[in-house]
Amino acid sequence: MRKLSLLIFLLCIWISLKNQNAEPKKGISTARWSSSVDSSLVFSASPLPQPMVLSSKKDVLEFNDSGSLEYNFYRNSCPQAEQIVRAVVQRLHEARPDVGPALLRLVFHDCFIEGCDASVLLDAAEGIDSEKESPPNETLRGFDVIGIIKSELEEACPGVVSCADILVLAARDSVALAGGPFYPLCTGRRDSSNSFSDLATNELPSPFHDLSQTLASFASRGFDEREAVSLLGAHSVGVIHCKFLQNRLYNFSGTDEPDPSVETRFLNLMRSKCNNTHTSSFSSSATVYSYGSSLSSSGAQQSPSSPEEPGMAMDYEGPRSPFGTLYYHSLLQGRGILYVDQQLMAGEETGNWVRAYASHTSLFRRDFALAMMKLSNLQVLTAPTGHIRLNCSKVG
């Protein structure tokens, strides 16, 4: 059965690459879903699709370091599972464009703390110190999206599909809808019965980290410098609220001057979005991590403190550039919005990877896909450990 699953997996990848190599239509970017084997679907985005290439059977096996996950794990128990996830994400994405950044950030914050076990989804309860209430996670969004997907899956296949699988699949599909690469995922994850608030507070990377701190944080989870640079390419989408930029623009490191690494014209642009009176001042060493897009129930960007808090869009030139292109070009020009991003140019190796990704979009898309696959497989729980939650926010 394992050999059969592997053969099916390789066949799906071959079909995906064949579909993606078709000549794209000119004009507005569109998304298309094309049928593949086992009723699964393969996504490609146009224009300028960039296939993620797997060179050998060894490459495929290395992505599943748990040894227990399988491609198309739900083929018998819930064959439409991935299609349901994808349909809900696509429907909500059309109504709420910031669903993608929210889900991408949500999966990172889950997998980075004790692995991809949906622990970040748990509400506080007796014996559970919720990760949602830790400082890095206070403005996480997308919980409602996962809840909607879970509800539809429970109706179709009660008690079968884990919240951990829903989260990684939803993030994968949201990346594709945002113009990023599609990447295959094995499934069969199970859910944790615990949450890890203290670890989330102390171990999630900060937008104020310098390069050495960022690389150490990623290295603690098994990611090298190349993978760290590619994963930070997720900052291609979303909105950064001004309170996380303020110190760079007006009082960097207590100097009462802007961050000298910010290019002058871009500094003026960010200051036009983030006036010094918009937010109260704070130290760059403050324990503040939540810097991604926030969503209201209607999809409008908001923060807990102010529904109209200004911010800077990561794709500040508009969604015309392919996923990742503007991000790396901006770093070369001293136009990184977050300090943690611009710091990638402070190291020789990380700077080289920034230049490589800025020059070769297909290389970035491949590396980002591989890094996301690796992230999605961190410390997963598989049977007989863990369980399947009926409600993603509660153990029982």
Protein backbone atom coordinates (compact mmCIF):
# COMPACT_ATOMS: atom_id res chain seq x y z
CA MET A 1 0.00 0.00 0.00
CA ARG A 2 2.85 2.41 0.80
CA LYS A 3 4.43 1.74 -2.61
CA LEU A 4 1.09 2.31 -4.31
CA SER A 5 0.64 5.62 -2.44
CA LEU A 6 4.12 6.72 -3.51
CA LEU A 7 3.42 5.87 -7.17
CA ILE A 8 0.17 7.84 -7.02
CA PHE A 9 2.02 10.76 -5.41
CA LEU A 10 4.66 10.82 -8.18
CA LEU A 11 2.00 10.57 -10.87
CA CYS A 12 0.15 13.56 -9.41
CA ILE A 13 3.37 15.60 -9.41
CA TRP A 14 4.02 14.67 -13.05
CA ILE A 15 0.52 15.74 -14.03
CA SER A 16 0.93 18.97 -12.05
CA LEU A 17 4.15 19.85 -13.86
CA LYS A 18 2.59 18.99 -17.22
CA ASN A 19 -0.36 21.29 -16.51
CA GLN A 20 1.86 24.11 -15.23
CA ASN A 21 4.08 24.06 -18.31
CA ALA A 22 1.12 25.03 -20.50
CA GLU A 23 1.44 28.55 -21.96
CA PRO A 24 -0.41 31.04 -19.73
CA LYS A 25 -2.97 33.48 -21.04
CA LYS A 26 -2.00 37.13 -21.16
CA GLY A 27 -3.70 39.76 -19.02
CA ILE A 28 -5.21 39.51 -15.57
CA SER A 29 -3.96 36.74 -13.33
CA THR A 30 -6.45 33.91 -12.99
CA ALA A 31 -6.59 30.62 -11.11
CA ARG A 32 -7.55 27.26 -12.49
CA TRP A 33 -8.17 23.88 -10.88
CA SER A 34 -7.47 20.82 -13.03
CA SER A 35 -8.47 17.24 -12.31
CA SER A 36 -5.93 14.59 -11.43
CA VAL A 37 -5.99 10.99 -10.27
CA ASP A 38 -7.88 9.77 -7.20
CA SER A 39 -10.31 12.70 -7.54
CA SER A 40 -7.63 15.02 -6.12
CA LEU A 41 -7.04 18.43 -7.67
CA VAL A 42 -3.86 20.13 -8.78
CA PHE A 43 -3.68 23.92 -8.68
CA SER A 44 -1.65 26.18 -10.91
CA ALA A 45 -1.74 29.96 -11.16
CA SER A 46 -1.32 32.05 -14.29
CA PRO A 47 0.32 34.07 -15.66
CA LEU A 48 3.94 32.97 -15.20
CA PRO A 49 3.40 29.58 -13.52
CA GLN A 50 6.59 28.22 -12.02
CA PRO A 51 6.57 24.47 -11.38
CA MET A 52 8.10 23.05 -8.24
CA VAL A 53 10.42 20.29 -9.41
CA LEU A 54 11.09 17.07 -7.49
CA SER A 55 14.17 15.43 -8.92
CA SER A 56 13.85 11.92 -7.48
CA LYS A 57 11.92 9.46 -5.35
CA LYS A 58 14.35 10.36 -2.55
CA ASP A 59 13.13 13.99 -2.66
CA VAL A 60 9.55 12.87 -2.12
CA LEU A 61 10.40 10.61 0.81
CA GLU A 62 12.45 13.29 2.55
CA PHE A 63 9.43 15.57 2.84
CA ASN A 64 7.62 13.01 4.98
CA ASP A 65 10.06 12.78 7.87
CA SER A 66 7.41 11.41 10.21
CA GLY A 67 7.40 8.06 8.42
CA SER A 68 3.65 7.75 9.02
CA LEU A 69 1.99 10.40 6.89
CA GLU A 70 0.67 9.29 3.51
CA TYR A 71 -0.23 10.99 0.29
CA ASN A 72 -4.05 11.06 -0.06
CA PHE A 73 -4.44 9.62 3.43
CA TYR A 74 -8.22 10.14 3.36
CA ARG A 75 -8.76 8.38 0.01
CA ASN A 76 -11.03 5.78 1.61
CA SER A 77 -12.31 7.44 4.79
CA CYS A 78 -13.11 10.86 3.27
CA PRO A 79 -12.13 10.98 -0.41
CA GLN A 80 -13.49 14.51 -0.91
CA ALA A 81 -11.62 15.96 2.10
CA GLU A 82 -9.03 18.02 0.23
CA GLN A 83 -11.59 19.19 -2.29
CA ILE A 84 -13.82 20.47 0.54
CA VAL A 85 -10.89 22.34 2.11
CA ARG A 86 -9.97 23.87 -1.22
CA ALA A 87 -13.53 24.89 -2.08
CA VAL A 88 -14.07 26.68 1.24
CA VAL A 89 -10.72 28.49 1.03
CA GLN A 90 -11.44 29.61 -2.52
CA ARG A 91 -14.95 30.79 -1.63
CA LEU A 92 -13.75 32.80 1.37
CA HIS A 93 -10.73 34.12 -0.50
CA GLU A 94 -13.03 35.68 -3.09
CA ALA A 95 -15.01 37.46 -0.37
CA ARG A 96 -12.09 38.20 1.98
CA PRO A 97 -8.76 38.61 0.14
CA ASP A 98 -6.79 38.72 3.42
CA VAL A 99 -7.76 35.15 4.24
CA GLY A 100 -4.54 34.00 2.56
CA PRO A 101 -2.08 35.97 4.71
CA ALA A 102 -4.07 35.05 7.83
CA LEU A 103 -3.92 31.30 7.14
CA LEU A 104 -0.26 31.42 6.13
CA ARG A 105 0.67 33.13 9.38
CA LEU A 106 -1.58 30.79 11.36
CA VAL A 107 0.11 27.64 10.06
CA PHE A 108 3.57 29.07 10.78
CA HIS A 109 2.63 29.94 14.36
CA ASP A 110 1.20 26.44 14.85
CA CYS A 111 3.99 24.39 13.31
CA PHE A 112 6.80 26.42 14.85
CA ILE A 113 5.61 25.56 18.38
CA GLU A 114 5.71 21.83 19.17
CA GLY A 115 4.99 20.93 15.55
CA CYS A 116 1.93 20.91 13.28
CA ASP A 117 -0.61 19.64 15.79
CA ALA A 118 -3.31 22.36 15.71
CA SER A 119 -2.38 23.40 19.26
CA VAL A 120 -2.65 27.06 18.24
CA LEU A 121 -6.38 26.57 17.61
CA LEU A 122 -7.27 25.57 21.18
CA ASP A 123 -9.21 27.95 23.42
CA ALA A 124 -8.21 28.35 27.05
CA ALA A 125 -9.85 25.78 29.33
CA GLU A 126 -9.11 23.91 32.54
CA GLY A 127 -5.60 22.55 32.16
CA ILE A 128 -5.07 24.38 28.84
CA ASP A 129 -3.06 27.60 28.69
CA SER A 130 -4.04 28.74 25.21
CA GLU A 131 -1.39 29.79 22.69
CA LYS A 132 -3.96 32.25 21.34
CA GLU A 133 -3.43 34.39 24.43
CA SER A 134 0.37 34.59 24.17
CA PRO A 135 1.71 37.99 23.01
CA PRO A 136 2.91 36.75 19.58
CA ASN A 137 -0.56 35.38 18.79
CA GLU A 138 -2.86 38.12 20.03
CA THR A 139 -3.70 39.30 16.51
CA LEU A 140 -3.75 35.94 14.76
CA ARG A 141 -6.71 35.59 12.43
CA GLY A 142 -8.22 32.77 10.39
CA PHE A 143 -9.64 30.71 13.25
CA ASP A 144 -13.13 31.20 11.84
CA VAL A 145 -11.99 29.93 8.44
CA ILE A 146 -10.69 26.72 9.98
CA GLY A 147 -13.97 26.39 11.89
CA ILE A 148 -16.02 26.68 8.70
CA ILE A 149 -13.90 24.06 6.95
CA LYS A 150 -14.12 21.72 9.94
CA SER A 151 -17.89 22.09 10.07
CA GLU A 152 -18.28 21.11 6.43
CA LEU A 153 -15.92 18.16 6.83
CA GLU A 154 -17.76 16.94 9.92
CA GLU A 155 -20.97 16.99 7.93
CA ALA A 156 -19.40 14.97 5.12
CA CYS A 157 -17.15 12.65 7.15
CA PRO A 158 -17.76 12.86 10.92
CA GLY A 159 -14.73 12.45 13.16
CA VAL A 160 -12.30 11.67 10.34
CA VAL A 161 -10.23 14.70 9.28
CA SER A 162 -7.91 16.29 11.83
CA CYS A 163 -7.68 20.02 12.48
CA ALA A 164 -3.91 19.77 11.95
CA ASP A 165 -4.43 18.49 8.40
CA ILE A 166 -7.08 21.12 7.74
CA LEU A 167 -4.67 23.87 8.77
CA VAL A 168 -1.76 22.81 6.56
CA LEU A 169 -4.03 22.11 3.57
CA ALA A 170 -5.87 25.42 3.92
CA ALA A 171 -2.59 27.33 4.13
CA ARG A 172 -1.27 25.50 1.05
CA ASP A 173 -4.37 26.37 -0.97
CA SER A 174 -4.34 29.98 0.19
CA VAL A 175 -0.73 30.32 -0.99
CA ALA A 176 -1.73 29.07 -4.41
CA LEU A 177 -4.69 31.46 -4.58
CA ALA A 178 -2.35 34.34 -3.68
CA GLY A 179 -0.24 33.50 -6.73
CA GLY A 180 2.30 31.34 -4.93
CA PRO A 181 3.34 27.79 -5.81
CA PHE A 182 1.25 24.69 -5.28
CA TYR A 183 3.06 22.00 -3.30
CA PRO A 184 1.94 18.43 -2.56
CA LEU A 185 1.29 17.44 1.05
CA CYS A 186 1.03 14.11 2.78
CA THR A 187 -1.75 13.84 5.36
CA GLY A 188 -2.65 11.79 8.41
CA ARG A 189 -1.71 14.31 11.11
CA ARG A 190 -3.56 14.10 14.42
CA ASP A 191 -4.41 16.83 16.90
CA SER A 192 -2.76 17.71 20.20
CA SER A 193 -4.71 17.74 23.44
CA ASN A 194 -2.55 20.53 24.84
CA SER A 195 -1.50 24.09 24.05
CA PHE A 196 1.88 25.71 24.72
CA SER A 197 1.46 29.38 25.58
CA ASP A 198 4.86 29.85 27.25
CA LEU A 199 6.71 28.35 24.29
CA ALA A 200 4.78 30.56 21.89
CA THR A 201 5.70 33.62 23.95
CA ASN A 202 9.39 32.81 24.09
CA GLU A 203 10.22 30.93 20.89
CA LEU A 204 8.32 32.50 17.99
CA PRO A 205 10.51 34.79 15.84
CA SER A 206 10.03 38.53 16.34
CA PRO A 207 9.75 41.25 13.65
CA PHE A 208 12.35 43.17 15.69
CA HIS A 209 14.97 40.42 15.65
CA ASP A 210 18.36 41.03 14.08
CA LEU A 211 19.79 38.52 11.62
CA SER A 212 21.62 36.36 14.16
CA GLN A 213 18.50 36.00 16.31
CA THR A 214 16.33 35.15 13.30
CA LEU A 215 18.73 32.53 11.98
CA ALA A 216 19.09 30.99 15.44
CA SER A 217 15.31 30.78 15.76
CA PHE A 218 14.92 29.03 12.41
CA ALA A 219 17.92 26.78 13.05
CA SER A 220 16.28 25.59 16.28
CA ARG A 221 13.55 24.11 14.06
CA GLY A 222 15.96 22.58 11.57
CA PHE A 223 15.94 25.29 8.88
CA ASP A 224 19.20 26.48 7.34
CA GLU A 225 19.90 29.99 6.05
CA ARG A 226 18.56 29.27 2.56
CA GLU A 227 15.31 27.91 3.98
CA ALA A 228 14.95 30.84 6.37
CA VAL A 229 15.32 33.34 3.53
CA SER A 230 12.76 31.49 1.41
CA LEU A 231 10.23 31.14 4.26
CA LEU A 232 10.43 34.87 4.99
CA GLY A 233 9.22 35.31 1.41
CA ALA A 234 5.78 34.68 2.94
CA HIS A 235 5.97 38.39 3.79
CA SER A 236 5.08 39.00 0.14
CA VAL A 237 1.44 39.26 1.22
CA GLY A 238 -0.40 40.95 4.05
CA VAL A 239 -0.47 44.33 5.78
CA ILE A 240 1.92 45.49 8.50
CA HIS A 241 0.35 47.81 11.05
CA CYS A 242 2.23 51.03 11.70
CA LYS A 243 2.98 50.28 15.34
CA PHE A 244 5.45 47.64 14.17
CA LEU A 245 7.26 50.12 11.90
CA GLN A 246 7.24 53.23 14.04
CA ASN A 247 10.65 52.84 15.62
CA ARG A 248 12.32 52.31 12.22
CA LEU A 249 10.78 55.50 10.87
CA TYR A 250 11.33 57.96 13.70
CA ASN A 251 13.41 56.69 16.61
CA PHE A 252 15.53 53.71 15.63
CA SER A 253 17.32 52.18 18.64
CA GLY A 254 16.70 55.33 20.67
CA THR A 255 18.66 57.56 18.27
CA ASP A 256 15.72 59.86 17.46
CA GLU A 257 16.63 59.16 13.82
CA PRO A 258 15.24 56.68 11.25
CA ASP A 259 16.80 53.29 10.57
CA PRO A 260 19.74 54.10 8.25
CA SER A 261 19.12 50.89 6.27
CA VAL A 262 15.82 52.31 4.91
CA GLU A 263 16.14 53.93 1.47
CA THR A 264 15.22 57.63 1.64
CA ARG A 265 12.30 57.71 -0.78
CA PHE A 266 10.84 54.57 0.74
CA LEU A 267 11.24 56.09 4.19
CA ASN A 268 9.11 59.02 3.03
CA LEU A 269 6.52 56.64 1.57
CA MET A 270 6.25 54.68 4.81
CA ARG A 271 6.07 57.91 6.83
CA SER A 272 3.18 59.04 4.62
CA LYS A 273 1.35 55.84 5.61
CA CYS A 274 2.50 55.88 9.21
CA ASN A 275 2.50 59.38 10.68
CA ASN A 276 4.35 59.68 13.97
CA THR A 277 1.10 60.61 15.72
CA HIS A 278 -0.74 57.45 14.67
CA THR A 279 0.60 55.21 17.40
CA SER A 280 2.27 55.61 20.73
CA SER A 281 6.00 55.12 20.86
CA PHE A 282 7.53 51.91 22.09
CA SER A 283 10.96 50.35 22.43
CA SER A 284 12.24 48.13 19.65
CA SER A 285 12.99 45.56 22.33
CA ALA A 286 9.33 45.36 23.35
CA THR A 287 7.82 41.90 23.34
CA VAL A 288 5.57 42.47 20.34
CA TYR A 289 5.39 39.91 17.57
CA SER A 290 1.96 40.10 15.94
CA TYR A 291 2.55 41.94 12.71
CA GLY A 292 0.52 40.21 10.01
CA SER A 293 -2.78 41.19 8.46
CA SER A 294 -5.83 41.23 10.67
CA LEU A 295 -9.37 40.54 9.51
CA SER A 296 -12.76 41.65 10.69
CA SER A 297 -15.74 39.40 10.11
CA SER A 298 -16.40 41.25 6.88
CA GLY A 299 -12.81 40.91 5.72
CA ALA A 300 -11.72 44.46 6.44
CA GLN A 301 -8.24 44.91 7.85
CA GLN A 302 -8.27 45.77 11.52
CA SER A 303 -6.37 45.44 14.74
CA PRO A 304 -7.88 44.69 18.13
CA SER A 305 -7.31 48.27 19.23
CA SER A 306 -8.52 50.17 16.19
CA PRO A 307 -10.45 49.02 13.12
CA GLU A 308 -8.90 51.87 11.13
CA GLU A 309 -5.29 51.57 12.24
CA PRO A 310 -3.07 52.47 9.29
CA GLY A 311 -0.56 50.08 7.84
CA MET A 312 1.77 49.29 4.98
CA ALA A 313 0.85 46.63 2.44
CA MET A 314 3.63 44.15 1.74
CA ASP A 315 2.72 44.32 -1.96
CA TYR A 316 2.79 48.12 -1.83
CA GLU A 317 3.12 48.40 -5.63
CA GLY A 318 -0.05 46.37 -6.11
CA PRO A 319 -0.64 42.68 -6.87
CA ARG A 320 0.94 42.88 -10.33
CA SER A 321 4.27 41.28 -9.40
CA PRO A 322 4.59 37.50 -9.13
CA PHE A 323 4.54 36.11 -5.60
CA GLY A 324 7.87 36.90 -3.93
CA THR A 325 9.35 39.11 -6.65
CA LEU A 326 8.68 42.50 -5.08
CA TYR A 327 9.73 41.28 -1.62
CA TYR A 328 13.28 40.34 -2.65
CA HIS A 329 13.75 43.26 -5.04
CA SER A 330 12.69 45.58 -2.22
CA LEU A 331 15.36 44.19 0.11
CA LEU A 332 18.04 44.87 -2.51
CA GLN A 333 16.89 48.49 -2.65
CA GLY A 334 16.75 49.06 1.11
CA ARG A 335 12.96 48.88 0.98
CA GLY A 336 12.27 46.07 3.41
CA ILE A 337 9.20 47.01 5.44
CA LEU A 338 10.08 45.05 8.57
CA TYR A 339 13.45 45.22 10.30
CA VAL A 340 13.65 41.41 10.35
CA ASP A 341 13.28 41.40 6.55
CA GLN A 342 15.86 44.07 5.76
CA GLN A 343 18.28 42.30 8.08
CA LEU A 344 18.57 39.51 5.48
CA MET A 345 20.91 41.85 3.60
CA ALA A 346 23.21 42.07 6.64
CA GLY A 347 24.67 38.60 6.09
CA GLU A 348 26.79 37.39 3.17
CA GLU A 349 24.97 34.09 2.62
CA THR A 350 21.48 35.41 3.28
CA GLY A 351 22.20 38.39 1.02
CA ASN A 352 23.30 36.02 -1.73
CA TRP A 353 20.01 34.13 -1.46
CA VAL A 354 18.05 37.38 -1.59
CA ARG A 355 19.86 38.26 -4.82
CA ALA A 356 19.27 34.79 -6.22
CA TYR A 357 15.53 34.88 -5.50
CA ALA A 358 15.22 38.42 -6.87
CA SER A 359 16.81 37.25 -10.13
CA HIS A 360 15.16 33.84 -10.46
CA THR A 361 11.49 33.70 -9.50
CA SER A 362 11.29 30.00 -10.36
CA LEU A 363 14.11 29.22 -7.90
CA PHE A 364 12.30 31.07 -5.12
CA ARG A 365 8.99 29.35 -5.86
CA ARG A 366 10.66 25.94 -5.76
CA ASP A 367 12.54 26.68 -2.54
CA PHE A 368 9.49 28.23 -0.89
CA ALA A 369 7.40 25.18 -1.77
CA LEU A 370 10.03 22.81 -0.37
CA ALA A 371 10.40 24.87 2.82
CA MET A 372 6.63 24.96 3.33
CA MET A 373 6.46 21.19 2.89
CA LYS A 374 9.19 20.81 5.50
CA LEU A 375 7.44 23.24 7.85
CA SER A 376 4.15 21.34 7.43
CA ASN A 377 5.84 18.12 8.54
CA LEU A 378 7.47 19.39 11.73
CA GLN A 379 6.93 17.07 14.72
CA VAL A 380 3.57 15.81 13.52
CA LEU A 381 1.42 13.50 15.62
CA THR A 382 0.22 10.34 13.90
CA ALA A 383 -1.81 7.36 15.09
CA PRO A 384 -1.84 6.03 17.74
CA THR A 385 -0.72 9.34 19.30
CA GLY A 386 -2.95 12.41 19.28
CA HIS A 387 -6.63 12.39 18.42
CA ILE A 388 -9.19 13.88 16.01
CA ARG A 389 -10.95 16.90 17.48
CA LEU A 390 -14.62 17.31 16.60
CA ASN A 391 -14.28 21.05 17.32
CA CYS A 392 -10.90 22.57 16.48
CA SER A 393 -10.99 24.96 19.43
CA LYS A 394 -11.79 22.32 22.07
CA VAL A 395 -10.22 19.04 23.17
CA GLY A 396 -13.49 17.30 23.99
